[in-house]
């Protein structure tokens, strides 16, 4: 597995992109801010986002989740 840590938002929250190196399938964990940046990170690569998962519901973890799940048409779990 490939794990990329991406620090986003005014709270400097860590978001994680987990990628299976052979299939290109991926998940986002806690993508709560800077959704445009997070969408661009996948749009320029051969990665298939499968779902988004959050560890909890604080605003810094959820504020922009809807932009990501709507863009990629993937489920959201918490």
PDB file of N, CA and C in Angstrom:
ATOM      1  N   UNK A   1       0.831  -1.179   0.000  1.00  0.00           N
ATOM      2  CA  UNK A   1       0.000   0.000   0.000  1.00  0.00           C
ATOM      3  C   UNK A   1       0.878   1.246   0.000  1.00  0.00           C
ATOM      4  N   UNK A   2       0.387   2.239  -0.693  1.00  0.00           N
ATOM      5  CA  UNK A   2       1.044   3.543  -0.698  1.00  0.00           C
ATOM      6  C   UNK A   2       0.211   4.452   0.190  1.00  0.00           C
ATOM      7  N   UNK A   3       0.845   5.109   1.137  1.00  0.00           N
ATOM      8  CA  UNK A   3       0.144   6.023   2.037  1.00  0.00           C
ATOM      9  C   UNK A   3       0.752   7.400   1.879  1.00  0.00           C
ATOM     10  N   UNK A   4      -0.090   8.341   1.441  1.00  0.00           N
ATOM     11  CA  UNK A   4       0.348   9.731   1.303  1.00  0.00           C
ATOM     12  C   UNK A   4      -0.342  10.557   2.375  1.00  0.00           C
ATOM     13  N   UNK A   5       0.428  11.324   3.117  1.00  0.00           N
ATOM     14  CA  UNK A   5      -0.116  12.233   4.114  1.00  0.00           C
ATOM     15  C   UNK A   5      -0.172  13.624   3.501  1.00  0.00           C
ATOM     16  N   UNK A   6      -1.354  14.232   3.558  1.00  0.00           N
ATOM     17  CA  UNK A   6      -1.558  15.564   2.988  1.00  0.00           C
ATOM     18  C   UNK A   6      -2.110  16.450   4.100  1.00  0.00           C
ATOM     19  N   UNK A   7      -1.387  17.490   4.465  1.00  0.00           N
ATOM     20  CA  UNK A   7      -1.838  18.395   5.511  1.00  0.00           C
ATOM     21  C   UNK A   7      -2.698  19.490   4.880  1.00  0.00           C
ATOM     22  N   UNK A   8      -3.929  19.641   5.395  1.00  0.00           N
ATOM     23  CA  UNK A   8      -4.882  20.579   4.790  1.00  0.00           C
ATOM     24  C   UNK A   8      -5.568  21.441   5.845  1.00  0.00           C
ATOM     25  N   UNK A   9      -6.056  22.581   5.396  1.00  0.00           N
ATOM     26  CA  UNK A   9      -6.906  23.433   6.211  1.00  0.00           C
ATOM     27  C   UNK A   9      -6.185  24.284   7.229  1.00  0.00           C
ATOM     28  N   UNK A  10      -6.959  25.194   7.824  1.00  0.00           N
ATOM     29  CA  UNK A  10      -6.403  26.125   8.810  1.00  0.00           C
ATOM     30  C   UNK A  10      -6.031  25.430  10.116  1.00  0.00           C
ATOM     31  N   UNK A  11      -6.567  24.236  10.335  1.00  0.00           N
ATOM     32  CA  UNK A  11      -6.198  23.465  11.520  1.00  0.00           C
ATOM     33  C   UNK A  11      -4.988  22.567  11.261  1.00  0.00           C
ATOM     34  N   UNK A  12      -4.440  22.609  10.047  1.00  0.00           N
ATOM     35  CA  UNK A  12      -3.300  21.778   9.650  1.00  0.00           C
ATOM     36  C   UNK A  12      -3.571  20.306   9.969  1.00  0.00           C
ATOM     37  N   UNK A  13      -4.729  19.848   9.498  1.00  0.00           N
ATOM     38  CA  UNK A  13      -5.188  18.489   9.743  1.00  0.00           C
ATOM     39  C   UNK A  13      -4.562  17.529   8.738  1.00  0.00           C
ATOM     40  N   UNK A  14      -4.225  16.350   9.193  1.00  0.00           N
ATOM     41  CA  UNK A  14      -3.677  15.344   8.285  1.00  0.00           C
ATOM     42  C   UNK A  14      -4.795  14.564   7.614  1.00  0.00           C
ATOM     43  N   UNK A  15      -4.725  14.518   6.307  1.00  0.00           N
ATOM     44  CA  UNK A  15      -5.602  13.712   5.467  1.00  0.00           C
ATOM     45  C   UNK A  15      -4.715  12.628   4.870  1.00  0.00           C
ATOM     46  N   UNK A  16      -5.280  11.465   4.663  1.00  0.00           N
ATOM     47  CA  UNK A  16      -4.476  10.356   4.131  1.00  0.00           C
ATOM     48  C   UNK A  16      -5.091   9.833   2.842  1.00  0.00           C
ATOM     49  N   UNK A  17      -4.251   9.607   1.872  1.00  0.00           N
ATOM     50  CA  UNK A  17      -4.636   8.955   0.626  1.00  0.00           C
ATOM     51  C   UNK A  17      -3.961   7.593   0.635  1.00  0.00           C
ATOM     52  N   UNK A  18      -4.770   6.540   0.626  1.00  0.00           N
ATOM     53  CA  UNK A  18      -4.259   5.172   0.649  1.00  0.00           C
ATOM     54  C   UNK A  18      -4.495   4.576  -0.737  1.00  0.00           C
ATOM     55  N   UNK A  19      -3.433   4.120  -1.378  1.00  0.00           N
ATOM     56  CA  UNK A  19      -3.513   3.630  -2.755  1.00  0.00           C
ATOM     57  C   UNK A  19      -2.984   2.205  -2.834  1.00  0.00           C
ATOM     58  N   UNK A  20      -3.728   1.356  -3.500  1.00  0.00           N
ATOM     59  CA  UNK A  20      -3.226   0.003  -3.794  1.00  0.00           C
ATOM     60  C   UNK A  20      -2.343   0.139  -5.031  1.00  0.00           C
ATOM     61  N   UNK A  21      -1.055  -0.195  -4.936  1.00  0.00           N
ATOM     62  CA  UNK A  21      -0.126   0.072  -6.032  1.00  0.00           C
ATOM     63  C   UNK A  21      -0.397  -0.718  -7.309  1.00  0.00           C
ATOM     64  N   UNK A  22      -1.021  -1.874  -7.191  1.00  0.00           N
ATOM     65  CA  UNK A  22      -1.261  -2.692  -8.384  1.00  0.00           C
ATOM     66  C   UNK A  22      -2.568  -2.357  -9.089  1.00  0.00           C
ATOM     67  N   UNK A  23      -3.603  -2.035  -8.322  1.00  0.00           N
ATOM     68  CA  UNK A  23      -4.913  -1.776  -8.936  1.00  0.00           C
ATOM     69  C   UNK A  23      -5.199  -0.297  -9.145  1.00  0.00           C
ATOM     70  N   UNK A  24      -4.511   0.569  -8.402  1.00  0.00           N
ATOM     71  CA  UNK A  24      -4.794   1.996  -8.481  1.00  0.00           C
ATOM     72  C   UNK A  24      -6.035   2.402  -7.708  1.00  0.00           C
ATOM     73  N   UNK A  25      -6.671   1.457  -6.999  1.00  0.00           N
ATOM     74  CA  UNK A  25      -7.823   1.796  -6.175  1.00  0.00           C
ATOM     75  C   UNK A  25      -7.342   2.521  -4.925  1.00  0.00           C
ATOM     76  N   UNK A  26      -8.159   3.481  -4.475  1.00  0.00           N
ATOM     77  CA  UNK A  26      -7.721   4.320  -3.368  1.00  0.00           C
ATOM     78  C   UNK A  26      -8.884   4.724  -2.485  1.00  0.00           C
ATOM     79  N   UNK A  27      -8.531   5.186  -1.288  1.00  0.00           N
ATOM     80  CA  UNK A  27      -9.500   5.791  -0.377  1.00  0.00           C
ATOM     81  C   UNK A  27      -8.879   7.059   0.201  1.00  0.00           C
ATOM     82  N   UNK A  28      -9.748   7.988   0.565  1.00  0.00           N
ATOM     83  CA  UNK A  28      -9.324   9.156   1.326  1.00  0.00           C
ATOM     84  C   UNK A  28      -9.794   8.956   2.753  1.00  0.00           C
ATOM     85  N   UNK A  29      -8.930   9.292   3.698  1.00  0.00           N
ATOM     86  CA  UNK A  29      -9.284   9.293   5.114  1.00  0.00           C
ATOM     87  C   UNK A  29      -9.178  10.727   5.611  1.00  0.00           C
ATOM     88  N   UNK A  30     -10.265  11.242   6.165  1.00  0.00           N
ATOM     89  CA  UNK A  30     -10.339  12.586   6.756  1.00  0.00           C
ATOM     90  C   UNK A  30     -10.008  13.726   5.797  1.00  0.00           C
ATOM     91  N   UNK A  31     -10.638  13.778   4.622  1.00  0.00           N
ATOM     92  CA  UNK A  31     -10.374  14.881   3.685  1.00  0.00           C
ATOM     93  C   UNK A  31     -11.286  16.079   3.954  1.00  0.00           C
ATOM     94  N   UNK A  32     -11.090  16.764   5.072  1.00  0.00           N
ATOM     95  CA  UNK A  32     -12.047  17.777   5.502  1.00  0.00           C
ATOM     96  C   UNK A  32     -11.863  19.170   4.965  1.00  0.00           C
ATOM     97  N   UNK A  33     -10.770  19.457   4.286  1.00  0.00           N
ATOM     98  CA  UNK A  33     -10.522  20.817   3.809  1.00  0.00           C
ATOM     99  C   UNK A  33      -9.746  20.760   2.501  1.00  0.00           C
ATOM    100  N   UNK A  34      -9.713  21.904   1.822  1.00  0.00           N
ATOM    101  CA  UNK A  34      -8.983  22.044   0.558  1.00  0.00           C
ATOM    102  C   UNK A  34      -9.387  20.967  -0.457  1.00  0.00           C
ATOM    103  N   UNK A  35     -10.693  20.805  -0.618  1.00  0.00           N
ATOM    104  CA  UNK A  35     -11.206  19.753  -1.509  1.00  0.00           C
ATOM    105  C   UNK A  35     -10.708  19.918  -2.943  1.00  0.00           C
ATOM    106  N   UNK A  36     -10.544  21.141  -3.424  1.00  0.00           N
ATOM    107  CA  UNK A  36     -10.032  21.332  -4.792  1.00  0.00           C
ATOM    108  C   UNK A  36      -8.644  20.719  -4.949  1.00  0.00           C
ATOM    109  N   UNK A  37      -7.792  20.931  -3.966  1.00  0.00           N
ATOM    110  CA  UNK A  37      -6.448  20.347  -3.982  1.00  0.00           C
ATOM    111  C   UNK A  37      -6.531  18.820  -3.966  1.00  0.00           C
ATOM    112  N   UNK A  38      -7.386  18.272  -3.117  1.00  0.00           N
ATOM    113  CA  UNK A  38      -7.504  16.826  -2.993  1.00  0.00           C
ATOM    114  C   UNK A  38      -8.100  16.194  -4.247  1.00  0.00           C
ATOM    115  N   UNK A  39      -9.032  16.874  -4.880  1.00  0.00           N
ATOM    116  CA  UNK A  39      -9.598  16.388  -6.151  1.00  0.00           C
ATOM    117  C   UNK A  39      -8.511  16.410  -7.229  1.00  0.00           C
ATOM    118  N   UNK A  40      -7.754  17.490  -7.292  1.00  0.00           N
ATOM    119  CA  UNK A  40      -6.673  17.595  -8.290  1.00  0.00           C
ATOM    120  C   UNK A  40      -5.619  16.509  -8.107  1.00  0.00           C
ATOM    121  N   UNK A  41      -5.328  16.141  -6.862  1.00  0.00           N
ATOM    122  CA  UNK A  41      -4.324  15.099  -6.611  1.00  0.00           C
ATOM    123  C   UNK A  41      -4.707  13.775  -7.277  1.00  0.00           C
ATOM    124  N   UNK A  42      -6.002  13.516  -7.404  1.00  0.00           N
ATOM    125  CA  UNK A  42      -6.449  12.271  -8.035  1.00  0.00           C
ATOM    126  C   UNK A  42      -6.698  12.442  -9.521  1.00  0.00           C
ATOM    127  N   UNK A  43      -7.133  13.601  -9.930  1.00  0.00           N
ATOM    128  CA  UNK A  43      -7.504  13.829 -11.328  1.00  0.00           C
ATOM    129  C   UNK A  43      -6.320  13.732 -12.271  1.00  0.00           C
ATOM    130  N   UNK A  44      -5.142  14.001 -11.780  1.00  0.00           N
ATOM    131  CA  UNK A  44      -3.947  13.986 -12.618  1.00  0.00           C
ATOM    132  C   UNK A  44      -3.205  12.656 -12.582  1.00  0.00           C
ATOM    133  N   UNK A  45      -3.817  11.649 -11.974  1.00  0.00           N
ATOM    134  CA  UNK A  45      -3.169  10.347 -11.833  1.00  0.00           C
ATOM    135  C   UNK A  45      -4.157   9.243 -12.202  1.00  0.00           C
ATOM    136  N   UNK A  46      -3.650   8.079 -12.443  1.00  0.00           N
ATOM    137  CA  UNK A  46      -4.490   6.931 -12.780  1.00  0.00           C
ATOM    138  C   UNK A  46      -4.922   6.231 -11.487  1.00  0.00           C
ATOM    139  N   UNK A  47      -5.784   6.930 -10.733  1.00  0.00           N
ATOM    140  CA  UNK A  47      -6.248   6.437  -9.441  1.00  0.00           C
ATOM    141  C   UNK A  47      -7.771   6.404  -9.454  1.00  0.00           C
ATOM    142  N   UNK A  48      -8.333   5.318  -8.933  1.00  0.00           N
ATOM    143  CA  UNK A  48      -9.777   5.131  -8.863  1.00  0.00           C
ATOM    144  C   UNK A  48     -10.211   5.209  -7.404  1.00  0.00           C
ATOM    145  N   UNK A  49     -10.755   6.360  -7.008  1.00  0.00           N
ATOM    146  CA  UNK A  49     -11.218   6.523  -5.629  1.00  0.00           C
ATOM    147  C   UNK A  49     -12.439   5.647  -5.408  1.00  0.00           C
ATOM    148  N   UNK A  50     -12.402   4.818  -4.362  1.00  0.00           N
ATOM    149  CA  UNK A  50     -13.488   3.881  -4.067  1.00  0.00           C
ATOM    150  C   UNK A  50     -14.451   4.422  -3.018  1.00  0.00           C
ATOM    151  N   UNK A  51     -13.940   5.110  -2.002  1.00  0.00           N
ATOM    152  CA  UNK A  51     -14.787   5.714  -0.976  1.00  0.00           C
ATOM    153  C   UNK A  51     -13.973   6.670  -0.122  1.00  0.00           C
ATOM    154  N   UNK A  52     -14.687   7.421   0.713  1.00  0.00           N
ATOM    155  CA  UNK A  52     -14.089   8.337   1.679  1.00  0.00           C
ATOM    156  C   UNK A  52     -14.513   7.857   3.060  1.00  0.00           C
ATOM    157  N   UNK A  53     -13.581   7.868   3.978  1.00  0.00           N
ATOM    158  CA  UNK A  53     -13.888   7.471   5.353  1.00  0.00           C
ATOM    159  C   UNK A  53     -13.344   8.528   6.306  1.00  0.00           C
ATOM    160  N   UNK A  54     -14.124   8.831   7.326  1.00  0.00           N
ATOM    161  CA  UNK A  54     -13.681   9.779   8.343  1.00  0.00           C
ATOM    162  C   UNK A  54     -13.581   9.094   9.687  1.00  0.00           C
ATOM    163  N   UNK A  55     -12.609   9.536  10.474  1.00  0.00           N
ATOM    164  CA  UNK A  55     -12.401   8.963  11.798  1.00  0.00           C
ATOM    165  C   UNK A  55     -13.380   9.533  12.820  1.00  0.00           C
ATOM    166  N   UNK A  56     -13.876  10.744  12.567  1.00  0.00           N
ATOM    167  CA  UNK A  56     -14.876  11.368  13.433  1.00  0.00           C
ATOM    168  C   UNK A  56     -15.497  12.564  12.709  1.00  0.00           C
ATOM    169  N   UNK A  57     -16.455  13.233  13.342  1.00  0.00           N
ATOM    170  CA  UNK A  57     -17.265  14.266  12.667  1.00  0.00           C
ATOM    171  C   UNK A  57     -16.902  15.709  12.997  1.00  0.00           C
ATOM    172  N   UNK A  58     -15.766  15.989  13.550  1.00  0.00           N
ATOM    173  CA  UNK A  58     -15.427  17.387  13.805  1.00  0.00           C
ATOM    174  C   UNK A  58     -15.361  18.152  12.488  1.00  0.00           C
ATOM    175  N   UNK A  59     -15.614  19.445  12.549  1.00  0.00           N
ATOM    176  CA  UNK A  59     -15.710  20.283  11.352  1.00  0.00           C
ATOM    177  C   UNK A  59     -14.447  20.234  10.491  1.00  0.00           C
ATOM    178  N   UNK A  60     -13.273  20.135  11.123  1.00  0.00           N
ATOM    179  CA  UNK A  60     -12.032  20.110  10.345  1.00  0.00           C
ATOM    180  C   UNK A  60     -11.884  18.818   9.548  1.00  0.00           C
ATOM    181  N   UNK A  61     -12.657  17.811   9.895  1.00  0.00           N
ATOM    182  CA  UNK A  61     -12.600  16.534   9.177  1.00  0.00           C
ATOM    183  C   UNK A  61     -13.732  16.378   8.157  1.00  0.00           C
ATOM    184  N   UNK A  62     -14.773  17.201   8.269  1.00  0.00           N
ATOM    185  CA  UNK A  62     -15.959  16.985   7.424  1.00  0.00           C
ATOM    186  C   UNK A  62     -16.374  18.168   6.549  1.00  0.00           C
ATOM    187  N   UNK A  63     -15.793  19.332   6.743  1.00  0.00           N
ATOM    188  CA  UNK A  63     -16.283  20.554   6.099  1.00  0.00           C
ATOM    189  C   UNK A  63     -16.419  20.446   4.580  1.00  0.00           C
ATOM    190  N   UNK A  64     -15.500  19.774   3.901  1.00  0.00           N
ATOM    191  CA  UNK A  64     -15.538  19.734   2.442  1.00  0.00           C
ATOM    192  C   UNK A  64     -15.630  18.312   1.875  1.00  0.00           C
ATOM    193  N   UNK A  65     -16.056  17.378   2.699  1.00  0.00           N
ATOM    194  CA  UNK A  65     -16.193  15.995   2.235  1.00  0.00           C
ATOM    195  C   UNK A  65     -17.198  15.898   1.088  1.00  0.00           C
ATOM    196  N   UNK A  66     -18.285  16.653   1.180  1.00  0.00           N
ATOM    197  CA  UNK A  66     -19.340  16.539   0.151  1.00  0.00           C
ATOM    198  C   UNK A  66     -18.817  16.882  -1.245  1.00  0.00           C
ATOM    199  N   UNK A  67     -17.899  17.837  -1.353  1.00  0.00           N
ATOM    200  CA  UNK A  67     -17.347  18.171  -2.660  1.00  0.00           C
ATOM    201  C   UNK A  67     -16.602  16.975  -3.262  1.00  0.00           C
ATOM    202  N   UNK A  68     -15.895  16.257  -2.447  1.00  0.00           N
ATOM    203  CA  UNK A  68     -15.113  15.111  -2.929  1.00  0.00           C
ATOM    204  C   UNK A  68     -16.018  13.953  -3.304  1.00  0.00           C
ATOM    205  N   UNK A  69     -16.963  13.602  -2.430  1.00  0.00           N
ATOM    206  CA  UNK A  69     -17.824  12.449  -2.736  1.00  0.00           C
ATOM    207  C   UNK A  69     -18.750  12.745  -3.913  1.00  0.00           C
ATOM    208  N   UNK A  70     -19.173  13.998  -4.053  1.00  0.00           N
ATOM    209  CA  UNK A  70     -20.012  14.350  -5.204  1.00  0.00           C
ATOM    210  C   UNK A  70     -19.211  14.357  -6.506  1.00  0.00           C
ATOM    211  N   UNK A  71     -17.987  14.829  -6.454  1.00  0.00           N
ATOM    212  CA  UNK A  71     -17.153  14.866  -7.657  1.00  0.00           C
ATOM    213  C   UNK A  71     -16.856  13.463  -8.177  1.00  0.00           C
ATOM    214  N   UNK A  72     -16.478  12.567  -7.271  1.00  0.00           N
ATOM    215  CA  UNK A  72     -16.080  11.212  -7.687  1.00  0.00           C
ATOM    216  C   UNK A  72     -17.233  10.206  -7.620  1.00  0.00           C
ATOM    217  N   UNK A  73     -18.384  10.658  -7.080  1.00  0.00           N
ATOM    218  CA  UNK A  73     -19.557   9.775  -6.962  1.00  0.00           C
ATOM    219  C   UNK A  73     -19.214   8.495  -6.197  1.00  0.00           C
ATOM    220  N   UNK A  74     -18.669   8.689  -4.999  1.00  0.00           N
ATOM    221  CA  UNK A  74     -18.270   7.579  -4.134  1.00  0.00           C
ATOM    222  C   UNK A  74     -19.002   7.678  -2.796  1.00  0.00           C
ATOM    223  N   UNK A  75     -19.131   6.555  -2.097  1.00  0.00           N
ATOM    224  CA  UNK A  75     -19.775   6.592  -0.769  1.00  0.00           C
ATOM    225  C   UNK A  75     -18.877   7.211   0.290  1.00  0.00           C
ATOM    226  N   UNK A  76     -19.537   7.642   1.355  1.00  0.00           N
ATOM    227  CA  UNK A  76     -18.873   8.252   2.513  1.00  0.00           C
ATOM    228  C   UNK A  76     -19.215   7.438   3.749  1.00  0.00           C
ATOM    229  N   UNK A  77     -18.196   7.050   4.484  1.00  0.00           N
ATOM    230  CA  UNK A  77     -18.376   6.276   5.720  1.00  0.00           C
ATOM    231  C   UNK A  77     -17.743   7.007   6.890  1.00  0.00           C
ATOM    232  N   UNK A  78     -18.341   6.803   8.053  1.00  0.00           N
ATOM    233  CA  UNK A  78     -17.779   7.407   9.253  1.00  0.00           C
ATOM    234  C   UNK A  78     -17.921   6.455  10.416  1.00  0.00           C
TER     235      UNK A  78
END
